[in-house]
Amino acid sequence: MNKLRYLRIAVALAVLAAVLACTFAHVPVGTLCALCPVGFAEISLASGSAPWALLPGVIALLAVVAALGRVFCSWVCPTSLVRNLFGGRRPRGLTGQTGACAGCAQADAAASGHPSRAASDPNAARSRSSLATQGLVLAVLLAVSLVVHFPVFCLFCPIGLAFGTLFAVSRMFVTWQPGWELIVFPAMLLAEAFLLRRWCAAICPLGFFFGIMAKLHTRLPFLPRPRARAGKCLYGEGCRTCATVCPEDLCAATATPRDLEDCTGCLDCAEHCPTKAVTLGKTGEK
C-alpha cells in the first residue's frame, strides 16, 4: 500500500534534483520559479517591465493544470513533498490536510440518532479552497512588490524555500561557510507544511491561478477526473475510505464539479478504495 505516495515522493525529488543539476551544470533552464505566474506578475510590477522570456513556461504550467487539474500541488510542490516525507506512514494522514476527520461527522450523527446532510455526504462538511482569500493575499503581495521593488512572495514561497535550502547546503559543502538560511528556510517550509494547515487552500497565492484553471478543468467533460463506479462503490453501505484518505477530504462518490476543483490528483482515493471503484474517467462514463 501507499505505492503512489512513494511515487509522488520520487517524482518531486527527481524534479528538484534535475533542476539543481542543471543549475550547477550551467544549463539555462532556470528553476521551477520560472514557471510561477505569481513570480511573473511580481517581477513585472517590481521591475517595471514584464519578463517575457518566462511567459511560455507560465502558460505551459497553467495549461497542464487546465488539462490535469492541480497535479502540480501533489506531485511537484515541496509542501506536499514534505508532508509525504514526514506525515507518517498513512497517505498524508488519515485526518487529511484540514485536520478534520472525514469519517467523524457521520459516525457522530449516527450515534446521536440525528443524521444530517453532513453525515450522509462528507463533501458537505469539508473545508473548500477559497479563491477569494487567495486572491486577496495575491493582491497584497503584488501591491507590496510594487512598492518595495522586490518579488516578496519568493521570500516564503515553498518552492523558493526548497531551492534556497538546497543551495545553502551546497554552498556549505563548497565553501564550508554555513549561513543562517540553513535553519530559517527549512523551518519556514516545515511551518507552512504542518502548522499552517490551510496554507494550500486559503493562503497560497499560486492556488488562485490554479483554482481558475481547475474550474476550467472540471467543466470540460472529456478531461479525466476521479470518479466512483456505482456498481462497485460501497458508499451506500457506509464506506468513506476515499474521503478519509484524501488530503482534501473529498468523497469521490458524491463529489460535484465544485468539489473536484480542489482535487490535486494524488490518487490516494483510487489506491485505497477497498473495491477499486475509484478510477480516472470522463464525465458520464459508467
C-alpha atoms as a PDB file:
ATOM      1  CA  MET A   1       0.000   0.000   0.000  1.00  0.00           C
ATOM      2  CA  ASN A   2       0.940   3.681  -0.298  1.00  0.00           C
ATOM      3  CA  LYS A   3       2.812   2.970  -3.530  1.00  0.00           C
ATOM      4  CA  LEU A   4       1.501   6.193  -5.043  1.00  0.00           C
ATOM      5  CA  ARG A   5       2.746   8.157  -2.058  1.00  0.00           C
ATOM      6  CA  TYR A   6       6.249   6.818  -2.644  1.00  0.00           C
ATOM      7  CA  LEU A   7       5.908   7.553  -6.357  1.00  0.00           C
ATOM      8  CA  ARG A   8       4.925  11.161  -5.593  1.00  0.00           C
ATOM      9  CA  ILE A   9       7.968  11.489  -3.365  1.00  0.00           C
ATOM     10  CA  ALA A  10      10.203  10.079  -6.102  1.00  0.00           C
ATOM     11  CA  VAL A  11       8.757  12.393  -8.759  1.00  0.00           C
ATOM     12  CA  ALA A  12       9.115  15.528  -6.604  1.00  0.00           C
ATOM     13  CA  LEU A  13      12.681  14.624  -5.603  1.00  0.00           C
ATOM     14  CA  ALA A  14      13.570  13.848  -9.219  1.00  0.00           C
ATOM     15  CA  VAL A  15      12.280  17.243 -10.362  1.00  0.00           C
ATOM     16  CA  LEU A  16      14.260  19.048  -7.654  1.00  0.00           C
ATOM     17  CA  ALA A  17      17.397  17.024  -8.423  1.00  0.00           C
ATOM     18  CA  ALA A  18      17.091  17.632 -12.166  1.00  0.00           C
ATOM     19  CA  VAL A  19      16.696  21.387 -11.782  1.00  0.00           C
ATOM     20  CA  LEU A  20      19.518  21.549  -9.239  1.00  0.00           C
ATOM     21  CA  ALA A  21      21.813  19.528 -11.502  1.00  0.00           C
ATOM     22  CA  CYS A  22      21.035  21.780 -14.458  1.00  0.00           C
ATOM     23  CA  THR A  23      21.761  24.822 -12.322  1.00  0.00           C
ATOM     24  CA  PHE A  24      25.199  23.550 -11.280  1.00  0.00           C
ATOM     25  CA  ALA A  25      25.904  22.449 -14.858  1.00  0.00           C
ATOM     26  CA  HIS A  26      25.046  25.986 -16.033  1.00  0.00           C
ATOM     27  CA  VAL A  27      22.255  24.677 -18.262  1.00  0.00           C
ATOM     28  CA  PRO A  28      19.938  27.656 -18.872  1.00  0.00           C
ATOM     29  CA  VAL A  29      16.656  26.040 -17.832  1.00  0.00           C
ATOM     30  CA  GLY A  30      16.092  28.173 -14.752  1.00  0.00           C
ATOM     31  CA  THR A  31      14.214  26.779 -11.743  1.00  0.00           C
ATOM     32  CA  LEU A  32      10.611  25.918 -11.002  1.00  0.00           C
ATOM     33  CA  CYS A  33      10.249  29.606 -10.135  1.00  0.00           C
ATOM     34  CA  ALA A  34      10.446  30.315 -13.858  1.00  0.00           C
ATOM     35  CA  LEU A  35       7.042  28.629 -14.240  1.00  0.00           C
ATOM     36  CA  CYS A  36       5.327  30.639 -11.500  1.00  0.00           C
ATOM     37  CA  PRO A  37       2.552  33.040 -12.582  1.00  0.00           C
ATOM     38  CA  VAL A  38       2.830  34.823  -9.215  1.00  0.00           C
ATOM     39  CA  GLY A  39       6.538  35.374  -9.770  1.00  0.00           C
ATOM     40  CA  PHE A  40       5.894  36.631 -13.297  1.00  0.00           C
ATOM     41  CA  ALA A  41       3.354  39.177 -12.031  1.00  0.00           C
ATOM     42  CA  GLU A  42       5.542  40.247  -9.101  1.00  0.00           C
ATOM     43  CA  ILE A  43       8.680  40.688 -11.206  1.00  0.00           C
ATOM     44  CA  SER A  44       6.696  42.703 -13.745  1.00  0.00           C
ATOM     45  CA  LEU A  45       5.479  45.114 -11.074  1.00  0.00           C
ATOM     46  CA  ALA A  46       8.734  45.216  -9.099  1.00  0.00           C
ATOM     47  CA  SER A  47      10.941  45.896 -12.116  1.00  0.00           C
ATOM     48  CA  GLY A  48       8.512  47.920 -14.191  1.00  0.00           C
ATOM     49  CA  SER A  49       8.890  45.592 -17.198  1.00  0.00           C
ATOM     50  CA  ALA A  50       7.492  42.160 -17.945  1.00  0.00           C
ATOM     51  CA  PRO A  51       9.999  39.256 -18.159  1.00  0.00           C
ATOM     52  CA  TRP A  52       8.550  37.928 -21.419  1.00  0.00           C
ATOM     53  CA  ALA A  53      11.109  35.098 -21.556  1.00  0.00           C
ATOM     54  CA  LEU A  54       9.325  33.492 -18.598  1.00  0.00           C
ATOM     55  CA  LEU A  55       5.850  33.722 -20.121  1.00  0.00           C
ATOM     56  CA  PRO A  56       5.979  30.451 -22.167  1.00  0.00           C
ATOM     57  CA  GLY A  57       6.787  28.457 -19.012  1.00  0.00           C
ATOM     58  CA  VAL A  58       3.961  30.119 -17.094  1.00  0.00           C
ATOM     59  CA  ILE A  59       1.479  29.389 -19.875  1.00  0.00           C
ATOM     60  CA  ALA A  60       2.690  25.783 -20.107  1.00  0.00           C
ATOM     61  CA  LEU A  61       2.170  25.227 -16.360  1.00  0.00           C
ATOM     62  CA  LEU A  62      -1.329  26.712 -16.430  1.00  0.00           C
ATOM     63  CA  ALA A  63      -2.170  24.553 -19.462  1.00  0.00           C
ATOM     64  CA  VAL A  64      -1.096  21.441 -17.557  1.00  0.00           C
ATOM     65  CA  VAL A  65      -3.353  22.416 -14.634  1.00  0.00           C
ATOM     66  CA  ALA A  66      -6.260  23.053 -17.004  1.00  0.00           C
ATOM     67  CA  ALA A  67      -5.779  19.617 -18.577  1.00  0.00           C
ATOM     68  CA  LEU A  68      -4.955  17.529 -15.486  1.00  0.00           C
ATOM     69  CA  GLY A  69      -6.137  19.567 -12.507  1.00  0.00           C
ATOM     70  CA  ARG A  70      -3.971  20.624  -9.564  1.00  0.00           C
ATOM     71  CA  VAL A  71      -1.419  17.846 -10.109  1.00  0.00           C
ATOM     72  CA  PHE A  72       1.470  20.259  -9.514  1.00  0.00           C
ATOM     73  CA  CYS A  73       0.317  20.601  -5.896  1.00  0.00           C
ATOM     74  CA  SER A  74       0.576  16.908  -5.022  1.00  0.00           C
ATOM     75  CA  TRP A  75       3.291  15.689  -7.400  1.00  0.00           C
ATOM     76  CA  VAL A  76       5.808  18.552  -7.536  1.00  0.00           C
ATOM     77  CA  CYS A  77       5.226  21.211  -4.866  1.00  0.00           C
ATOM     78  CA  PRO A  78       7.731  20.978  -1.962  1.00  0.00           C
ATOM     79  CA  THR A  79       4.916  21.462   0.581  1.00  0.00           C
ATOM     80  CA  SER A  80       3.318  18.152  -0.419  1.00  0.00           C
ATOM     81  CA  LEU A  81       6.760  16.549  -0.651  1.00  0.00           C
ATOM     82  CA  VAL A  82       7.457  17.487   2.974  1.00  0.00           C
ATOM     83  CA  ARG A  83       4.048  16.187   4.062  1.00  0.00           C
ATOM     84  CA  ASN A  84       4.603  12.932   2.196  1.00  0.00           C
ATOM     85  CA  LEU A  85       8.063  12.516   3.730  1.00  0.00           C
ATOM     86  CA  PHE A  86       7.229  13.396   7.327  1.00  0.00           C
ATOM     87  CA  GLY A  87       3.475  12.927   7.565  1.00  0.00           C
ATOM     88  CA  GLY A  88       3.661   9.346   8.826  1.00  0.00           C
ATOM     89  CA  ARG A  89       3.036   6.035   7.096  1.00  0.00           C
ATOM     90  CA  ARG A  90      -0.519   6.933   6.167  1.00  0.00           C
ATOM     91  CA  PRO A  91      -1.180   8.958   2.966  1.00  0.00           C
ATOM     92  CA  ARG A  92      -0.571  12.441   4.399  1.00  0.00           C
ATOM     93  CA  GLY A  93      -2.546  11.463   7.478  1.00  0.00           C
ATOM     94  CA  LEU A  94      -5.989   9.913   7.749  1.00  0.00           C
ATOM     95  CA  THR A  95      -7.249  13.214   9.131  1.00  0.00           C
ATOM     96  CA  GLY A  96      -6.485  14.913   5.841  1.00  0.00           C
ATOM     97  CA  GLN A  97      -4.939  18.304   5.152  1.00  0.00           C
ATOM     98  CA  THR A  98      -7.501  20.318   7.099  1.00  0.00           C
ATOM     99  CA  GLY A  99      -7.176  18.223  10.256  1.00  0.00           C
ATOM    100  CA  ALA A 100     -10.892  17.336  10.253  1.00  0.00           C
ATOM    101  CA  CYS A 101     -11.648  13.619  10.230  1.00  0.00           C
ATOM    102  CA  ALA A 102     -13.758  12.966   7.154  1.00  0.00           C
ATOM    103  CA  GLY A 103     -15.461   9.972   8.756  1.00  0.00           C
ATOM    104  CA  CYS A 104     -16.271  11.529  12.138  1.00  0.00           C
ATOM    105  CA  ALA A 105     -19.352  13.547  11.154  1.00  0.00           C
ATOM    106  CA  GLN A 106     -21.405  10.588  10.011  1.00  0.00           C
ATOM    107  CA  ALA A 107     -20.278   8.484  12.964  1.00  0.00           C
ATOM    108  CA  ASP A 108     -21.297  11.175  15.447  1.00  0.00           C
ATOM    109  CA  ALA A 109     -24.632  11.744  13.709  1.00  0.00           C
ATOM    110  CA  ALA A 110     -25.411   8.037  13.656  1.00  0.00           C
ATOM    111  CA  ALA A 111     -24.603   7.747  17.357  1.00  0.00           C
ATOM    112  CA  SER A 112     -26.859  10.670  18.220  1.00  0.00           C
ATOM    113  CA  GLY A 113     -29.710   9.410  16.072  1.00  0.00           C
ATOM    114  CA  HIS A 114     -29.933  12.672  14.157  1.00  0.00           C
ATOM    115  CA  PRO A 115     -28.474  12.131  10.689  1.00  0.00           C
ATOM    116  CA  SER A 116     -27.741  15.232   8.648  1.00  0.00           C
ATOM    117  CA  ARG A 117     -26.552  16.119   5.189  1.00  0.00           C
ATOM    118  CA  ALA A 118     -23.009  16.309   6.597  1.00  0.00           C
ATOM    119  CA  ALA A 119     -23.475  12.798   7.928  1.00  0.00           C
ATOM    120  CA  SER A 120     -24.563  11.425   4.563  1.00  0.00           C
ATOM    121  CA  ASP A 121     -22.155  13.418   2.431  1.00  0.00           C
ATOM    122  CA  PRO A 122     -18.622  14.211   3.656  1.00  0.00           C
ATOM    123  CA  ASN A 123     -18.274  16.791   0.883  1.00  0.00           C
ATOM    124  CA  ALA A 124     -20.922  18.938   2.571  1.00  0.00           C
ATOM    125  CA  ALA A 125     -18.800  19.378   5.691  1.00  0.00           C
ATOM    126  CA  ARG A 126     -15.318  19.668   4.182  1.00  0.00           C
ATOM    127  CA  SER A 127     -13.409  22.929   4.049  1.00  0.00           C
ATOM    128  CA  ARG A 128     -13.131  24.088   0.453  1.00  0.00           C
ATOM    129  CA  SER A 129     -10.385  26.140  -1.129  1.00  0.00           C
ATOM    130  CA  SER A 130     -11.079  29.859  -1.221  1.00  0.00           C
ATOM    131  CA  LEU A 131     -10.257  31.832  -4.350  1.00  0.00           C
ATOM    132  CA  ALA A 132     -11.369  34.991  -2.524  1.00  0.00           C
ATOM    133  CA  THR A 133      -8.781  34.747   0.252  1.00  0.00           C
ATOM    134  CA  GLN A 134      -6.065  33.565  -2.125  1.00  0.00           C
ATOM    135  CA  GLY A 135      -6.876  36.457  -4.425  1.00  0.00           C
ATOM    136  CA  LEU A 136      -6.685  38.884  -1.501  1.00  0.00           C
ATOM    137  CA  VAL A 137      -3.277  37.518  -0.490  1.00  0.00           C
ATOM    138  CA  LEU A 138      -2.142  37.810  -4.112  1.00  0.00           C
ATOM    139  CA  ALA A 139      -3.336  41.423  -4.339  1.00  0.00           C
ATOM    140  CA  VAL A 140      -1.480  42.366  -1.155  1.00  0.00           C
ATOM    141  CA  LEU A 141       1.722  40.684  -2.368  1.00  0.00           C
ATOM    142  CA  LEU A 142       1.536  42.441  -5.733  1.00  0.00           C
ATOM    143  CA  ALA A 143       0.968  45.798  -4.049  1.00  0.00           C
ATOM    144  CA  VAL A 144       3.931  45.287  -1.715  1.00  0.00           C
ATOM    145  CA  SER A 145       6.125  44.131  -4.604  1.00  0.00           C
ATOM    146  CA  LEU A 146       5.239  47.296  -6.491  1.00  0.00           C
ATOM    147  CA  VAL A 147       6.165  49.482  -3.512  1.00  0.00           C
ATOM    148  CA  VAL A 148       9.415  47.765  -2.444  1.00  0.00           C
ATOM    149  CA  HIS A 149      10.503  46.794  -5.982  1.00  0.00           C
ATOM    150  CA  PHE A 150      11.079  43.183  -4.974  1.00  0.00           C
ATOM    151  CA  PRO A 151       9.073  39.946  -5.551  1.00  0.00           C
ATOM    152  CA  VAL A 152       8.235  39.376  -1.871  1.00  0.00           C
ATOM    153  CA  PHE A 153       6.449  36.037  -2.337  1.00  0.00           C
ATOM    154  CA  CYS A 154       9.799  34.479  -3.225  1.00  0.00           C
ATOM    155  CA  LEU A 155      10.848  35.023   0.407  1.00  0.00           C
ATOM    156  CA  PHE A 156       8.338  32.479   1.721  1.00  0.00           C
ATOM    157  CA  CYS A 157       7.194  30.527  -1.334  1.00  0.00           C
ATOM    158  CA  PRO A 158       7.620  26.753  -0.682  1.00  0.00           C
ATOM    159  CA  ILE A 159       9.427  26.338  -3.992  1.00  0.00           C
ATOM    160  CA  GLY A 160      11.774  29.216  -3.247  1.00  0.00           C
ATOM    161  CA  LEU A 161      12.390  27.907   0.266  1.00  0.00           C
ATOM    162  CA  ALA A 162      13.157  24.410  -1.043  1.00  0.00           C
ATOM    163  CA  PHE A 163      15.676  25.664  -3.580  1.00  0.00           C
ATOM    164  CA  GLY A 164      17.089  28.131  -1.075  1.00  0.00           C
ATOM    165  CA  THR A 165      17.719  25.269   1.331  1.00  0.00           C
ATOM    166  CA  LEU A 166      19.356  23.143  -1.358  1.00  0.00           C
ATOM    167  CA  PHE A 167      21.594  25.990  -2.480  1.00  0.00           C
ATOM    168  CA  ALA A 168      22.521  26.761   1.123  1.00  0.00           C
ATOM    169  CA  VAL A 169      23.511  23.142   1.719  1.00  0.00           C
ATOM    170  CA  SER A 170      25.570  23.073  -1.474  1.00  0.00           C
ATOM    171  CA  ARG A 171      27.366  26.286  -0.516  1.00  0.00           C
ATOM    172  CA  MET A 172      28.179  24.854   2.883  1.00  0.00           C
ATOM    173  CA  PHE A 173      29.945  21.879   1.309  1.00  0.00           C
ATOM    174  CA  VAL A 174      31.670  24.003  -1.351  1.00  0.00           C
ATOM    175  CA  THR A 175      32.813  26.966   0.741  1.00  0.00           C
ATOM    176  CA  TRP A 176      32.426  25.483   4.245  1.00  0.00           C
ATOM    177  CA  GLN A 177      30.613  28.620   5.311  1.00  0.00           C
ATOM    178  CA  PRO A 178      27.167  27.690   6.646  1.00  0.00           C
ATOM    179  CA  GLY A 179      24.644  30.526   6.755  1.00  0.00           C
ATOM    180  CA  TRP A 180      21.517  31.365   8.729  1.00  0.00           C
ATOM    181  CA  GLU A 181      19.358  30.170   5.829  1.00  0.00           C
ATOM    182  CA  LEU A 182      20.260  26.564   6.696  1.00  0.00           C
ATOM    183  CA  ILE A 183      17.958  26.918   9.703  1.00  0.00           C
ATOM    184  CA  VAL A 184      15.453  29.572   8.656  1.00  0.00           C
ATOM    185  CA  PHE A 185      14.478  28.200   5.236  1.00  0.00           C
ATOM    186  CA  PRO A 186      13.731  24.592   6.377  1.00  0.00           C
ATOM    187  CA  ALA A 187      11.912  25.913   9.451  1.00  0.00           C
ATOM    188  CA  MET A 188       9.658  28.114   7.311  1.00  0.00           C
ATOM    189  CA  LEU A 189       8.950  25.237   4.910  1.00  0.00           C
ATOM    190  CA  LEU A 190       8.032  22.898   7.782  1.00  0.00           C
ATOM    191  CA  ALA A 191       5.818  25.585   9.315  1.00  0.00           C
ATOM    192  CA  GLU A 192       3.904  26.045   6.074  1.00  0.00           C
ATOM    193  CA  ALA A 193       3.506  22.287   5.666  1.00  0.00           C
ATOM    194  CA  PHE A 194       2.425  21.367   9.192  1.00  0.00           C
ATOM    195  CA  LEU A 195       1.495  24.459  11.210  1.00  0.00           C
ATOM    196  CA  LEU A 196      -0.378  26.427   8.545  1.00  0.00           C
ATOM    197  CA  ARG A 197      -2.735  23.586   7.684  1.00  0.00           C
ATOM    198  CA  ARG A 198      -4.809  25.818   5.406  1.00  0.00           C
ATOM    199  CA  TRP A 199      -1.782  27.193   3.533  1.00  0.00           C
ATOM    200  CA  CYS A 200      -2.591  25.471   0.231  1.00  0.00           C
ATOM    201  CA  ALA A 201      -6.350  26.003   0.302  1.00  0.00           C
ATOM    202  CA  ALA A 202      -6.650  29.526   1.667  1.00  0.00           C
ATOM    203  CA  ILE A 203      -3.279  31.315   1.635  1.00  0.00           C
ATOM    204  CA  CYS A 204      -1.010  30.263  -1.244  1.00  0.00           C
ATOM    205  CA  PRO A 205      -1.419  32.886  -3.999  1.00  0.00           C
ATOM    206  CA  LEU A 206      -0.316  30.362  -6.601  1.00  0.00           C
ATOM    207  CA  GLY A 207      -3.501  28.488  -5.727  1.00  0.00           C
ATOM    208  CA  PHE A 208      -5.507  31.436  -7.063  1.00  0.00           C
ATOM    209  CA  PHE A 209      -4.235  30.783 -10.593  1.00  0.00           C
ATOM    210  CA  PHE A 210      -4.529  27.022 -10.144  1.00  0.00           C
ATOM    211  CA  GLY A 211      -8.082  27.444  -8.892  1.00  0.00           C
ATOM    212  CA  ILE A 212      -9.124  29.305 -12.023  1.00  0.00           C
ATOM    213  CA  MET A 213      -7.560  26.618 -14.226  1.00  0.00           C
ATOM    214  CA  ALA A 214      -9.172  23.888 -12.101  1.00  0.00           C
ATOM    215  CA  LYS A 215     -12.580  25.441 -12.755  1.00  0.00           C
ATOM    216  CA  LEU A 216     -11.903  25.103 -16.465  1.00  0.00           C
ATOM    217  CA  HIS A 217     -10.716  21.512 -15.979  1.00  0.00           C
ATOM    218  CA  THR A 218     -13.893  20.394 -14.210  1.00  0.00           C
ATOM    219  CA  ARG A 219     -16.099  21.954 -16.874  1.00  0.00           C
ATOM    220  CA  LEU A 220     -14.539  20.136 -19.802  1.00  0.00           C
ATOM    221  CA  PRO A 221     -16.276  16.716 -19.926  1.00  0.00           C
ATOM    222  CA  PHE A 222     -13.571  14.998 -21.998  1.00  0.00           C
ATOM    223  CA  LEU A 223     -10.846  15.505 -19.346  1.00  0.00           C
ATOM    224  CA  PRO A 224     -10.172  12.745 -16.757  1.00  0.00           C
ATOM    225  CA  ARG A 225     -11.024  13.134 -13.082  1.00  0.00           C
ATOM    226  CA  PRO A 226     -11.608  10.767 -10.119  1.00  0.00           C
ATOM    227  CA  ARG A 227     -14.997   9.083 -10.122  1.00  0.00           C
ATOM    228  CA  ALA A 228     -16.582   6.174  -8.293  1.00  0.00           C
ATOM    229  CA  ARG A 229     -18.189   3.367 -10.293  1.00  0.00           C
ATOM    230  CA  ALA A 230     -21.717   2.915  -9.000  1.00  0.00           C
ATOM    231  CA  GLY A 231     -21.642  -0.858  -9.408  1.00  0.00           C
ATOM    232  CA  LYS A 232     -18.579  -1.263  -7.177  1.00  0.00           C
ATOM    233  CA  CYS A 233     -18.721   1.690  -4.777  1.00  0.00           C
ATOM    234  CA  LEU A 234     -19.701   0.873  -1.175  1.00  0.00           C
ATOM    235  CA  TYR A 235     -20.664   4.442  -0.305  1.00  0.00           C
ATOM    236  CA  GLY A 236     -24.307   3.425   0.199  1.00  0.00           C
ATOM    237  CA  GLU A 237     -23.168   0.846   2.766  1.00  0.00           C
ATOM    238  CA  GLY A 238     -21.300   3.431   4.811  1.00  0.00           C
ATOM    239  CA  CYS A 239     -17.812   3.275   3.291  1.00  0.00           C
ATOM    240  CA  ARG A 240     -15.966   6.608   3.476  1.00  0.00           C
ATOM    241  CA  THR A 241     -12.440   5.428   2.658  1.00  0.00           C
ATOM    242  CA  CYS A 242     -11.879   7.861  -0.224  1.00  0.00           C
ATOM    243  CA  ALA A 243     -12.866  10.869   1.892  1.00  0.00           C
ATOM    244  CA  THR A 244     -10.751   9.649   4.799  1.00  0.00           C
ATOM    245  CA  VAL A 245      -7.500   9.193   2.886  1.00  0.00           C
ATOM    246  CA  CYS A 246      -7.928  12.259   0.667  1.00  0.00           C
ATOM    247  CA  PRO A 247      -5.837  15.235   1.851  1.00  0.00           C
ATOM    248  CA  GLU A 248      -8.699  17.473   0.717  1.00  0.00           C
ATOM    249  CA  ASP A 249     -11.413  15.314   2.387  1.00  0.00           C
ATOM    250  CA  LEU A 250     -13.058  14.657  -0.994  1.00  0.00           C
ATOM    251  CA  CYS A 251     -15.595  11.856  -1.313  1.00  0.00           C
ATOM    252  CA  ALA A 252     -15.380  10.563  -4.887  1.00  0.00           C
ATOM    253  CA  ALA A 253     -18.842   9.023  -4.731  1.00  0.00           C
ATOM    254  CA  THR A 254     -20.672  12.336  -4.255  1.00  0.00           C
ATOM    255  CA  ALA A 255     -18.147  14.925  -5.462  1.00  0.00           C
ATOM    256  CA  THR A 256     -19.592  17.751  -7.537  1.00  0.00           C
ATOM    257  CA  PRO A 257     -17.581  19.754 -10.095  1.00  0.00           C
ATOM    258  CA  ARG A 258     -17.091  22.395  -7.378  1.00  0.00           C
ATOM    259  CA  ASP A 259     -15.648  19.757  -5.054  1.00  0.00           C
ATOM    260  CA  LEU A 260     -13.373  18.373  -7.773  1.00  0.00           C
ATOM    261  CA  GLU A 261     -11.844  21.807  -8.275  1.00  0.00           C
ATOM    262  CA  ASP A 262      -9.888  21.061  -5.082  1.00  0.00           C
ATOM    263  CA  CYS A 263      -8.666  17.642  -6.270  1.00  0.00           C
ATOM    264  CA  THR A 264      -4.865  17.540  -6.537  1.00  0.00           C
ATOM    265  CA  GLY A 265      -4.725  14.267  -8.460  1.00  0.00           C
ATOM    266  CA  CYS A 266      -2.788  12.439  -5.744  1.00  0.00           C
ATOM    267  CA  LEU A 267      -4.930   9.324  -6.472  1.00  0.00           C
ATOM    268  CA  ASP A 268      -4.859   8.130  -2.865  1.00  0.00           C
ATOM    269  CA  CYS A 269      -8.606   7.544  -3.213  1.00  0.00           C
ATOM    270  CA  ALA A 270      -8.066   5.119  -6.116  1.00  0.00           C
ATOM    271  CA  GLU A 271      -5.238   3.255  -4.392  1.00  0.00           C
ATOM    272  CA  HIS A 272      -7.004   2.777  -1.061  1.00  0.00           C
ATOM    273  CA  CYS A 273     -10.542   2.100  -2.279  1.00  0.00           C
ATOM    274  CA  PRO A 274     -11.389  -1.406  -0.953  1.00  0.00           C
ATOM    275  CA  THR A 275     -13.304  -2.383  -4.106  1.00  0.00           C
ATOM    276  CA  LYS A 276     -11.169  -0.398  -6.592  1.00  0.00           C
ATOM    277  CA  ALA A 277     -14.301   1.524  -7.529  1.00  0.00           C
ATOM    278  CA  VAL A 278     -12.484   4.859  -7.836  1.00  0.00           C
ATOM    279  CA  THR A 279     -10.822   5.394 -11.197  1.00  0.00           C
ATOM    280  CA  LEU A 280      -9.876   8.218 -13.518  1.00  0.00           C
ATOM    281  CA  GLY A 281     -12.633   8.698 -16.047  1.00  0.00           C
ATOM    282  CA  LYS A 282     -14.599  11.225 -18.038  1.00  0.00           C
ATOM    283  CA  THR A 283     -17.924  12.768 -17.157  1.00  0.00           C
ATOM    284  CA  GLY A 284     -20.795  10.455 -17.960  1.00  0.00           C
ATOM    285  CA  GLU A 285     -18.779   7.217 -18.103  1.00  0.00           C
ATOM    286  CA  LYS A 286     -20.304   4.248 -16.290  1.00  0.00           C
END
